[in-house]
Amino acid sequence: MAGGWTRDGAVGEQIEASIQDELARLKARQGTRGESLTHCAECEDPIPERRRAAIPGVTLCVSCQQDRDGRNRVHSGGFNRRGSKDSQLK
């Protein structure tokens, strides 16, 4: 089913291309960053072998990585990003 001026399957192809681009960007960003540490760089707890095998160059244990990820999370602040009229009536 085509929408507007697009040919059949164009929307699906665009979505697939976007996904492939993002995967390629993530793989390039991750890359091989050298040898994984055996103990966490922050708390000195041992880093599990399975984590070191899954993420080349890992330097943090799961707990410290979760703490760091939580600090970097962006909060939307409750904004209605849909731009509905209801959000403009306040």
Protein backbone atom coordinates (compact mmCIF):
# COMPACT_ATOMS: atom_id res chain seq x y z
CA MET A 1 0.00 0.00 0.00
CA ALA A 2 1.54 3.26 -1.14
CA GLY A 3 0.81 6.53 0.58
CA GLY A 4 0.79 9.80 -1.32
CA TRP A 5 3.46 9.94 -4.00
CA THR A 6 5.52 6.99 -2.78
CA ARG A 7 5.72 3.60 -4.46
CA ASP A 8 4.65 0.38 -2.75
CA GLY A 9 7.05 -0.59 0.03
CA ALA A 10 8.86 2.76 0.15
CA VAL A 11 7.92 3.47 3.75
CA GLY A 12 9.08 0.02 4.88
CA GLU A 13 12.35 0.45 2.98
CA GLN A 14 12.94 3.81 4.67
CA ILE A 15 12.31 2.32 8.11
CA GLU A 16 14.66 -0.58 7.37
CA ALA A 17 17.35 1.82 6.10
CA SER A 18 17.02 3.92 9.26
CA ILE A 19 17.41 0.84 11.45
CA GLN A 20 20.48 -0.34 9.51
CA ASP A 21 22.06 3.14 9.74
CA GLU A 22 21.53 3.21 13.51
CA LEU A 23 22.96 -0.29 13.95
CA ALA A 24 26.02 0.66 11.91
CA ARG A 25 26.47 3.82 14.00
CA LEU A 26 26.26 1.86 17.24
CA LYS A 27 28.73 -0.77 16.04
CA ALA A 28 31.20 1.91 14.94
CA ARG A 29 30.80 3.72 18.26
CA GLN A 30 31.31 0.58 20.29
CA GLY A 31 34.25 -0.77 18.31
CA THR A 32 37.06 -2.63 19.97
CA ARG A 33 38.32 -0.49 22.80
CA GLY A 34 41.13 -2.70 23.91
CA GLU A 35 41.30 -5.21 26.71
CA SER A 36 38.43 -5.43 29.18
CA LEU A 37 39.29 -4.85 32.81
CA THR A 38 38.86 -7.73 35.25
CA HIS A 39 37.82 -5.39 38.07
CA CYS A 40 35.62 -2.28 37.98
CA ALA A 41 37.45 1.04 37.51
CA GLU A 42 35.18 2.71 40.11
CA CYS A 43 34.40 0.22 42.87
CA GLU A 44 37.05 -2.51 42.30
CA ASP A 45 34.41 -5.28 42.26
CA PRO A 46 35.12 -8.13 39.80
CA ILE A 47 33.55 -7.77 36.37
CA PRO A 48 31.85 -11.05 35.33
CA GLU A 49 33.50 -12.97 32.49
CA ARG A 50 30.27 -12.98 30.45
CA ARG A 51 30.09 -9.16 30.60
CA ARG A 52 33.70 -8.85 29.50
CA ALA A 53 33.05 -11.22 26.59
CA ALA A 54 29.86 -9.40 25.53
CA ILE A 55 31.29 -5.86 25.67
CA PRO A 56 34.90 -5.54 24.49
CA GLY A 57 36.83 -2.93 26.47
CA VAL A 58 34.37 -2.80 29.38
CA THR A 59 35.70 -0.95 32.42
CA LEU A 60 32.70 -0.82 34.79
CA CYS A 61 30.71 -3.48 36.63
CA VAL A 62 26.96 -3.74 35.99
CA SER A 63 26.05 -1.79 39.13
CA CYS A 64 28.36 1.16 38.39
CA GLN A 65 27.27 1.21 34.73
CA GLN A 66 23.60 1.34 35.77
CA ASP A 67 24.37 4.22 38.15
CA ARG A 68 26.16 6.10 35.36
CA ASP A 69 23.35 5.43 32.86
CA GLY A 70 20.78 6.69 35.38
CA ARG A 71 22.65 9.97 35.84
CA ASN A 72 22.80 10.59 32.07
CA ARG A 73 19.08 9.97 31.48
CA VAL A 74 17.25 13.01 30.12
CA HIS A 75 13.86 13.69 31.65
CA SER A 76 11.20 15.26 29.47
CA GLY A 77 9.80 17.42 32.26
CA GLY A 78 6.20 16.53 31.44
CA PHE A 79 5.93 18.33 28.12
CA ASN A 80 3.28 17.13 25.69
CA ARG A 81 5.31 16.67 22.54
CA ARG A 82 2.29 15.76 20.43
CA GLY A 83 1.21 19.39 20.22
CA SER A 84 -2.46 18.62 20.80
CA LYS A 85 -4.90 21.44 21.39
CA ASP A 86 -5.58 20.14 24.89
CA SER A 87 -1.99 20.87 25.88
CA GLN A 88 -2.32 24.44 24.62
CA LEU A 89 -5.46 25.21 26.64
CA LYS A 90 -3.64 25.48 29.96
